[in-house]
């Protein structure tokens, strides 16, 4: 049986995956509109910049979320190791 912290961690991970998927869908819609608009525009460079810029923002956001999750997992692992060491010292 999973403990409550593992269940909460799974829910957080699932929420992050769903949030990333929603961002991906919005990014696809915005960039598709920008690139299609660039086909018939007199000044397509602005729309190309919007299309590629939205992808850059998406990738940057994914990178930030992954980095934050890695830091959180590292802190949890360090805390777990600290508590395990404290428990061993209290026994002896």
Protein backbone atom coordinates (compact mmCIF):
# COMPACT_ATOMS: atom_id res chain seq x y z
CA UNK A 1 0.00 0.00 0.00
CA UNK A 2 1.38 3.41 -0.95
CA UNK A 3 1.88 6.00 1.75
CA UNK A 4 0.13 9.35 1.54
CA UNK A 5 3.26 11.24 0.44
CA UNK A 6 3.71 8.91 -2.55
CA UNK A 7 0.07 9.37 -3.54
CA UNK A 8 0.41 13.16 -3.23
CA UNK A 9 3.61 13.04 -5.30
CA UNK A 10 1.83 11.07 -8.04
CA UNK A 11 -1.01 13.59 -8.09
CA UNK A 12 1.45 16.47 -8.39
CA UNK A 13 3.27 14.73 -11.24
CA UNK A 14 0.01 14.00 -13.04
CA UNK A 15 -1.08 17.62 -12.64
CA UNK A 16 2.26 18.83 -14.06
CA UNK A 17 1.92 16.49 -17.06
CA UNK A 18 -1.61 17.71 -17.74
CA UNK A 19 -0.53 21.34 -17.40
CA UNK A 20 2.35 20.78 -19.82
CA UNK A 21 -0.03 19.13 -22.29
CA UNK A 22 -2.39 22.12 -22.13
CA UNK A 23 0.55 24.48 -22.72
CA UNK A 24 1.62 22.32 -25.67
CA UNK A 25 -1.84 22.51 -27.25
CA UNK A 26 -1.99 26.30 -26.84
CA UNK A 27 1.53 26.60 -28.25
CA UNK A 28 0.55 24.53 -31.29
CA UNK A 29 -2.55 26.62 -31.94
CA UNK A 30 -0.75 29.95 -31.60
CA UNK A 31 2.25 28.93 -33.69
CA UNK A 32 0.07 27.35 -36.39
CA UNK A 33 -1.97 30.54 -36.65
CA UNK A 34 1.17 32.65 -36.80
CA UNK A 35 2.80 30.50 -39.49
CA UNK A 36 -0.39 30.35 -41.58
CA UNK A 37 -0.74 34.11 -41.28
CA UNK A 38 2.86 34.53 -42.39
CA UNK A 39 2.07 32.80 -45.68
CA UNK A 40 -0.25 35.59 -46.83
CA UNK A 41 1.23 38.57 -45.01
CA UNK A 42 3.21 41.40 -46.56
CA UNK A 43 5.53 41.38 -43.53
CA UNK A 44 5.87 37.72 -42.55
CA UNK A 45 8.95 38.18 -40.34
CA UNK A 46 6.87 39.43 -37.40
CA UNK A 47 4.60 36.40 -37.58
CA UNK A 48 7.56 34.05 -37.93
CA UNK A 49 9.02 35.68 -34.81
CA UNK A 50 5.74 35.08 -32.96
CA UNK A 51 5.60 31.45 -34.13
CA UNK A 52 9.16 30.62 -33.11
CA UNK A 53 8.98 32.80 -30.01
CA UNK A 54 6.01 30.90 -28.61
CA UNK A 55 7.93 27.64 -29.04
CA UNK A 56 10.93 29.17 -27.27
CA UNK A 57 8.69 30.20 -24.37
CA UNK A 58 7.19 26.71 -24.20
CA UNK A 59 10.61 25.01 -24.13
CA UNK A 60 11.88 27.49 -21.54
CA UNK A 61 8.84 26.83 -19.33
CA UNK A 62 9.27 23.06 -19.57
CA UNK A 63 12.95 23.42 -18.67
CA UNK A 64 12.08 25.59 -15.64
CA UNK A 65 9.47 23.12 -14.38
CA UNK A 66 11.86 20.18 -14.80
CA UNK A 67 14.60 22.03 -12.94
CA UNK A 68 12.23 22.93 -10.09
CA UNK A 69 11.02 19.32 -9.83
CA UNK A 70 14.60 18.03 -9.74
CA UNK A 71 15.48 20.46 -6.95
CA UNK A 72 12.38 19.42 -4.97
CA UNK A 73 13.21 15.72 -5.35
CA UNK A 74 16.79 16.38 -4.28
CA UNK A 75 15.63 18.23 -1.16
CA UNK A 76 13.21 15.41 -0.32
CA UNK A 77 15.96 12.83 -0.78
CA UNK A 78 18.33 14.80 1.46
CA UNK A 79 15.65 15.18 4.12
CA UNK A 80 14.87 11.47 3.96
CA UNK A 81 18.56 10.62 4.39
CA UNK A 82 18.83 13.06 7.29
CA UNK A 83 15.82 11.57 9.06
CA UNK A 84 17.11 8.04 8.48
CA UNK A 85 20.47 9.00 10.01
CA UNK A 86 18.76 10.67 12.98
CA UNK A 87 16.62 7.61 13.64
CA UNK A 88 19.70 5.37 13.69
CA UNK A 89 21.53 7.67 16.12
CA UNK A 90 18.59 7.76 18.52
CA UNK A 91 18.49 3.98 18.78
CA UNK A 92 22.08 3.67 19.99
